[in-house]
Amino acid sequence: MKNFMAIYTGTAAKLEAFKQLDEKTRAQREAAGMKAWMDWGTTHAAAIVDQGAPLGKTKRAASDGVSDTRNNIAGYVIVRAESHDAAAKMFENHPHFTLFPGDAVEIMECLPLPPM
């Protein structure tokens, strides 16, 4: 089994469109989304290595210093699966983008460190 990091992505435009929904519709979508997300977590509990979390504002550290920056990363989770395809299939129809205003989930293998 291998570990895979799944990155939840979203754009400011999608979030803004979600915020424009009337209060009742938005509350219903949020409640349905949370239930679906919890159900997804229960279904895949045996494969979840690290539940992850939503992510906040971003700082960028580079050779020219530290600065504020923006990206589309909204959160993460780490799962275990037999293959990259199997890990990706866990996220088909995920509530992050079917009920919430997220764009997608990007899944990448966590590779081992090379020997020192």
N, C-alpha and C. Protein backbone atom coordinates (compact mmCIF):
# COMPACT_ATOMS: atom_id res chain seq x y z
N MET A 1 0.84 -1.18 0.00
CA MET A 1 0.00 0.00 0.00
C MET A 1 0.88 1.25 0.00
N LYS A 2 0.41 2.26 -0.68
CA LYS A 2 1.13 3.52 -0.78
C LYS A 2 0.28 4.64 -0.18
N ASN A 3 0.96 5.71 0.24
CA ASN A 3 0.24 6.88 0.72
C ASN A 3 0.11 7.90 -0.40
N PHE A 4 -1.03 8.59 -0.39
CA PHE A 4 -1.32 9.61 -1.39
C PHE A 4 -1.87 10.84 -0.70
N MET A 5 -1.35 12.01 -1.08
CA MET A 5 -1.90 13.25 -0.57
C MET A 5 -2.92 13.75 -1.57
N ALA A 6 -4.10 14.06 -1.07
CA ALA A 6 -5.14 14.64 -1.90
C ALA A 6 -5.29 16.10 -1.49
N ILE A 7 -5.19 16.97 -2.47
CA ILE A 7 -5.29 18.41 -2.26
C ILE A 7 -6.64 18.87 -2.78
N TYR A 8 -7.42 19.49 -1.90
CA TYR A 8 -8.70 20.06 -2.30
C TYR A 8 -8.43 21.45 -2.88
N THR A 9 -8.90 21.70 -4.11
CA THR A 9 -8.68 22.99 -4.74
C THR A 9 -10.00 23.72 -4.96
N GLY A 10 -9.90 25.03 -5.03
CA GLY A 10 -11.07 25.85 -5.27
C GLY A 10 -10.64 27.24 -5.71
N THR A 11 -11.50 27.92 -6.41
CA THR A 11 -11.18 29.27 -6.87
C THR A 11 -12.02 30.29 -6.12
N ALA A 12 -11.53 31.50 -6.10
CA ALA A 12 -12.27 32.60 -5.47
C ALA A 12 -13.61 32.80 -6.17
N ALA A 13 -13.65 32.61 -7.48
CA ALA A 13 -14.89 32.80 -8.24
C ALA A 13 -15.96 31.79 -7.82
N LYS A 14 -15.57 30.54 -7.64
CA LYS A 14 -16.54 29.52 -7.21
C LYS A 14 -17.05 29.82 -5.80
N LEU A 15 -16.15 30.23 -4.92
CA LEU A 15 -16.55 30.56 -3.55
C LEU A 15 -17.50 31.76 -3.56
N GLU A 16 -17.20 32.76 -4.35
CA GLU A 16 -18.05 33.94 -4.43
C GLU A 16 -19.44 33.58 -4.96
N ALA A 17 -19.50 32.71 -5.97
CA ALA A 17 -20.79 32.27 -6.50
C ALA A 17 -21.59 31.53 -5.43
N PHE A 18 -20.92 30.73 -4.62
CA PHE A 18 -21.57 30.00 -3.53
C PHE A 18 -22.13 31.00 -2.51
N LYS A 19 -21.37 32.03 -2.21
CA LYS A 19 -21.81 33.04 -1.24
C LYS A 19 -23.01 33.84 -1.75
N GLN A 20 -23.19 33.87 -3.07
CA GLN A 20 -24.30 34.62 -3.67
C GLN A 20 -25.63 33.86 -3.60
N LEU A 21 -25.57 32.57 -3.26
CA LEU A 21 -26.81 31.80 -3.11
C LEU A 21 -27.63 32.40 -1.98
N ASP A 22 -28.95 32.29 -2.08
CA ASP A 22 -29.76 32.81 -0.99
C ASP A 22 -29.44 32.01 0.28
N GLU A 23 -29.68 32.62 1.43
CA GLU A 23 -29.26 32.06 2.71
C GLU A 23 -29.81 30.66 2.95
N LYS A 24 -31.06 30.43 2.61
CA LYS A 24 -31.68 29.12 2.83
C LYS A 24 -31.02 28.05 1.96
N THR A 25 -30.80 28.35 0.68
CA THR A 25 -30.18 27.40 -0.23
C THR A 25 -28.75 27.08 0.21
N ARG A 26 -28.01 28.15 0.57
CA ARG A 26 -26.63 27.95 1.01
C ARG A 26 -26.57 27.09 2.28
N ALA A 27 -27.47 27.35 3.23
CA ALA A 27 -27.50 26.56 4.47
C ALA A 27 -27.84 25.10 4.18
N GLN A 28 -28.76 24.87 3.27
CA GLN A 28 -29.11 23.49 2.90
C GLN A 28 -27.93 22.79 2.24
N ARG A 29 -27.24 23.49 1.33
CA ARG A 29 -26.07 22.90 0.66
C ARG A 29 -24.96 22.62 1.66
N GLU A 30 -24.75 23.54 2.61
CA GLU A 30 -23.71 23.33 3.62
C GLU A 30 -24.03 22.12 4.50
N ALA A 31 -25.28 21.99 4.91
CA ALA A 31 -25.68 20.85 5.75
C ALA A 31 -25.55 19.54 4.97
N ALA A 32 -26.03 19.54 3.74
CA ALA A 32 -25.92 18.33 2.91
C ALA A 32 -24.46 18.00 2.64
N GLY A 33 -23.65 19.04 2.40
CA GLY A 33 -22.23 18.84 2.13
C GLY A 33 -21.50 18.26 3.32
N MET A 34 -21.77 18.78 4.51
CA MET A 34 -21.11 18.25 5.72
C MET A 34 -21.50 16.80 5.96
N LYS A 35 -22.77 16.48 5.77
CA LYS A 35 -23.21 15.09 5.96
C LYS A 35 -22.52 14.19 4.93
N ALA A 36 -22.51 14.62 3.68
CA ALA A 36 -21.87 13.81 2.63
C ALA A 36 -20.38 13.65 2.90
N TRP A 37 -19.73 14.71 3.39
CA TRP A 37 -18.29 14.64 3.68
C TRP A 37 -18.04 13.66 4.82
N MET A 38 -18.86 13.71 5.86
CA MET A 38 -18.71 12.79 6.99
C MET A 38 -18.97 11.35 6.53
N ASP A 39 -19.98 11.17 5.67
CA ASP A 39 -20.26 9.84 5.12
C ASP A 39 -19.08 9.33 4.29
N TRP A 40 -18.47 10.24 3.50
CA TRP A 40 -17.30 9.87 2.71
C TRP A 40 -16.19 9.42 3.66
N GLY A 41 -15.97 10.15 4.74
CA GLY A 41 -14.94 9.81 5.71
C GLY A 41 -15.19 8.46 6.37
N THR A 42 -16.45 8.17 6.66
CA THR A 42 -16.81 6.88 7.26
C THR A 42 -16.55 5.75 6.27
N THR A 43 -16.97 5.96 5.03
CA THR A 43 -16.78 4.94 3.99
C THR A 43 -15.30 4.63 3.78
N HIS A 44 -14.46 5.65 3.85
CA HIS A 44 -13.03 5.47 3.56
C HIS A 44 -12.15 5.51 4.82
N ALA A 45 -12.75 5.33 5.98
CA ALA A 45 -12.01 5.45 7.25
C ALA A 45 -10.76 4.56 7.30
N ALA A 46 -10.86 3.35 6.79
CA ALA A 46 -9.72 2.43 6.84
C ALA A 46 -8.56 2.92 5.97
N ALA A 47 -8.83 3.75 4.98
CA ALA A 47 -7.80 4.22 4.07
C ALA A 47 -7.23 5.58 4.48
N ILE A 48 -7.88 6.27 5.40
CA ILE A 48 -7.43 7.62 5.78
C ILE A 48 -6.28 7.53 6.76
N VAL A 49 -5.13 8.04 6.36
CA VAL A 49 -3.91 8.03 7.17
C VAL A 49 -3.87 9.30 8.03
N ASP A 50 -4.23 10.43 7.42
CA ASP A 50 -4.26 11.72 8.10
C ASP A 50 -5.50 12.45 7.60
N GLN A 51 -6.41 12.76 8.51
CA GLN A 51 -7.67 13.41 8.15
C GLN A 51 -7.44 14.75 7.46
N GLY A 52 -6.30 15.35 7.68
CA GLY A 52 -6.02 16.64 7.06
C GLY A 52 -6.83 17.75 7.70
N ALA A 53 -6.97 18.85 6.96
CA ALA A 53 -7.68 20.01 7.48
C ALA A 53 -7.85 21.04 6.37
N PRO A 54 -8.76 21.98 6.59
CA PRO A 54 -8.81 23.12 5.68
C PRO A 54 -7.54 23.95 5.88
N LEU A 55 -7.17 24.71 4.86
CA LEU A 55 -5.95 25.51 4.94
C LEU A 55 -6.29 26.99 4.81
N GLY A 56 -5.52 27.83 5.49
CA GLY A 56 -5.74 29.27 5.50
C GLY A 56 -4.86 30.00 4.51
N LYS A 57 -4.63 31.26 4.79
CA LYS A 57 -3.84 32.12 3.91
C LYS A 57 -2.43 31.59 3.76
N THR A 58 -1.80 31.96 2.65
CA THR A 58 -0.50 31.41 2.28
C THR A 58 0.60 32.46 2.35
N LYS A 59 1.73 32.05 2.88
CA LYS A 59 2.97 32.82 2.82
C LYS A 59 3.92 32.07 1.90
N ARG A 60 4.75 32.80 1.17
CA ARG A 60 5.73 32.19 0.28
C ARG A 60 7.12 32.58 0.77
N ALA A 61 7.96 31.58 1.02
CA ALA A 61 9.35 31.82 1.41
C ALA A 61 10.23 31.44 0.23
N ALA A 62 11.07 32.37 -0.21
CA ALA A 62 11.95 32.14 -1.35
C ALA A 62 13.26 32.87 -1.10
N SER A 63 14.18 32.76 -2.03
CA SER A 63 15.50 33.38 -1.85
C SER A 63 15.40 34.90 -1.71
N ASP A 64 14.31 35.48 -2.22
CA ASP A 64 14.15 36.94 -2.11
C ASP A 64 13.34 37.35 -0.89
N GLY A 65 13.01 36.39 -0.02
CA GLY A 65 12.31 36.71 1.22
C GLY A 65 10.95 36.05 1.34
N VAL A 66 10.17 36.56 2.27
CA VAL A 66 8.84 36.02 2.56
C VAL A 66 7.80 37.02 2.09
N SER A 67 6.76 36.51 1.44
CA SER A 67 5.69 37.38 0.95
C SER A 67 4.35 36.68 1.04
N ASP A 68 3.29 37.46 0.99
CA ASP A 68 1.95 36.89 0.90
C ASP A 68 1.74 36.43 -0.53
N THR A 69 0.98 35.35 -0.69
CA THR A 69 0.67 34.86 -2.03
C THR A 69 -0.69 34.18 -1.99
N ARG A 70 -1.18 33.79 -3.15
CA ARG A 70 -2.47 33.10 -3.24
C ARG A 70 -2.29 31.86 -4.10
N ASN A 71 -3.06 30.85 -3.79
CA ASN A 71 -3.11 29.65 -4.62
C ASN A 71 -4.52 29.08 -4.50
N ASN A 72 -4.79 28.01 -5.16
CA ASN A 72 -6.12 27.41 -5.14
C ASN A 72 -6.24 26.24 -4.17
N ILE A 73 -5.25 26.07 -3.29
CA ILE A 73 -5.27 24.95 -2.34
C ILE A 73 -6.17 25.32 -1.16
N ALA A 74 -7.18 24.48 -0.91
CA ALA A 74 -8.15 24.75 0.15
C ALA A 74 -7.99 23.81 1.34
N GLY A 75 -7.40 22.64 1.14
CA GLY A 75 -7.25 21.68 2.22
C GLY A 75 -6.56 20.43 1.72
N TYR A 76 -6.42 19.45 2.62
CA TYR A 76 -5.74 18.21 2.23
C TYR A 76 -6.23 17.05 3.08
N VAL A 77 -5.93 15.85 2.61
CA VAL A 77 -6.11 14.61 3.34
C VAL A 77 -5.07 13.64 2.81
N ILE A 78 -4.62 12.71 3.63
CA ILE A 78 -3.70 11.67 3.16
C ILE A 78 -4.40 10.33 3.29
N VAL A 79 -4.41 9.59 2.18
CA VAL A 79 -5.06 8.28 2.15
C VAL A 79 -4.07 7.21 1.74
N ARG A 80 -4.40 5.99 2.02
CA ARG A 80 -3.60 4.83 1.63
C ARG A 80 -4.40 4.02 0.61
N ALA A 81 -3.71 3.60 -0.46
CA ALA A 81 -4.37 2.82 -1.50
C ALA A 81 -3.35 1.93 -2.20
N GLU A 82 -3.84 0.95 -2.93
CA GLU A 82 -2.98 0.03 -3.68
C GLU A 82 -2.29 0.71 -4.85
N SER A 83 -2.96 1.71 -5.45
CA SER A 83 -2.41 2.36 -6.64
C SER A 83 -2.89 3.81 -6.71
N HIS A 84 -2.26 4.56 -7.58
CA HIS A 84 -2.65 5.95 -7.81
C HIS A 84 -4.10 6.01 -8.30
N ASP A 85 -4.44 5.13 -9.24
CA ASP A 85 -5.81 5.09 -9.75
C ASP A 85 -6.81 4.76 -8.66
N ALA A 86 -6.47 3.82 -7.79
CA ALA A 86 -7.38 3.46 -6.70
C ALA A 86 -7.57 4.63 -5.75
N ALA A 87 -6.51 5.35 -5.48
CA ALA A 87 -6.61 6.53 -4.60
C ALA A 87 -7.51 7.58 -5.26
N ALA A 88 -7.31 7.83 -6.54
CA ALA A 88 -8.11 8.83 -7.24
C ALA A 88 -9.58 8.46 -7.27
N LYS A 89 -9.87 7.19 -7.43
CA LYS A 89 -11.28 6.75 -7.48
C LYS A 89 -12.02 7.03 -6.17
N MET A 90 -11.29 7.09 -5.06
CA MET A 90 -11.93 7.42 -3.78
C MET A 90 -12.59 8.79 -3.82
N PHE A 91 -12.11 9.66 -4.69
CA PHE A 91 -12.58 11.05 -4.71
C PHE A 91 -13.58 11.34 -5.83
N GLU A 92 -13.96 10.31 -6.58
CA GLU A 92 -14.98 10.53 -7.60
C GLU A 92 -16.27 11.00 -6.91
N ASN A 93 -16.86 12.04 -7.43
CA ASN A 93 -18.10 12.61 -6.90
C ASN A 93 -17.99 13.04 -5.44
N HIS A 94 -16.82 13.50 -5.04
CA HIS A 94 -16.60 13.96 -3.67
C HIS A 94 -17.42 15.23 -3.40
N PRO A 95 -17.95 15.38 -2.18
CA PRO A 95 -18.74 16.58 -1.87
C PRO A 95 -17.98 17.89 -1.97
N HIS A 96 -16.66 17.85 -1.95
CA HIS A 96 -15.87 19.08 -2.08
C HIS A 96 -16.26 19.85 -3.34
N PHE A 97 -16.55 19.12 -4.43
CA PHE A 97 -16.91 19.79 -5.67
C PHE A 97 -18.32 19.47 -6.15
N THR A 98 -19.01 18.53 -5.51
CA THR A 98 -20.38 18.25 -5.93
C THR A 98 -21.41 19.05 -5.13
N LEU A 99 -21.08 19.38 -3.88
CA LEU A 99 -22.00 20.16 -3.04
C LEU A 99 -21.39 21.49 -2.59
N PHE A 100 -20.11 21.47 -2.31
CA PHE A 100 -19.42 22.69 -1.91
C PHE A 100 -18.85 23.36 -3.16
N PRO A 101 -18.34 24.59 -3.03
CA PRO A 101 -17.86 25.32 -4.21
C PRO A 101 -16.43 24.98 -4.64
N GLY A 102 -15.93 23.82 -4.25
CA GLY A 102 -14.59 23.44 -4.67
C GLY A 102 -14.52 23.10 -6.14
N ASP A 103 -13.31 23.16 -6.69
CA ASP A 103 -13.09 22.84 -8.10
C ASP A 103 -12.84 21.36 -8.32
N ALA A 104 -11.90 20.81 -7.52
CA ALA A 104 -11.44 19.46 -7.79
C ALA A 104 -10.65 18.95 -6.59
N VAL A 105 -10.22 17.71 -6.71
CA VAL A 105 -9.29 17.12 -5.75
C VAL A 105 -8.13 16.57 -6.57
N GLU A 106 -6.92 17.00 -6.24
CA GLU A 106 -5.73 16.54 -6.95
C GLU A 106 -5.01 15.55 -6.05
N ILE A 107 -4.71 14.37 -6.60
CA ILE A 107 -4.14 13.28 -5.81
C ILE A 107 -2.73 12.97 -6.31
N MET A 108 -1.77 12.94 -5.38
CA MET A 108 -0.39 12.62 -5.75
C MET A 108 0.21 11.65 -4.75
N GLU A 109 1.06 10.78 -5.24
CA GLU A 109 1.71 9.81 -4.36
C GLU A 109 2.73 10.49 -3.47
N CYS A 110 2.78 10.07 -2.22
CA CYS A 110 3.81 10.51 -1.27
C CYS A 110 4.99 9.56 -1.47
N LEU A 111 6.03 10.04 -2.09
CA LEU A 111 7.19 9.21 -2.42
C LEU A 111 8.13 9.10 -1.22
N PRO A 112 8.84 7.98 -1.12
CA PRO A 112 9.80 7.85 -0.01
C PRO A 112 10.99 8.77 -0.25
N LEU A 113 11.60 9.20 0.86
CA LEU A 113 12.83 9.98 0.76
C LEU A 113 13.94 9.10 0.24
N PRO A 114 14.84 9.63 -0.59
CA PRO A 114 15.98 8.83 -1.05
C PRO A 114 16.92 8.55 0.14
N PRO A 115 17.61 7.44 0.10
CA PRO A 115 18.54 7.12 1.19
C PRO A 115 19.62 8.19 1.30
N MET A 116 20.05 8.43 2.53
CA MET A 116 21.11 9.44 2.75
C MET A 116 22.46 8.77 2.81
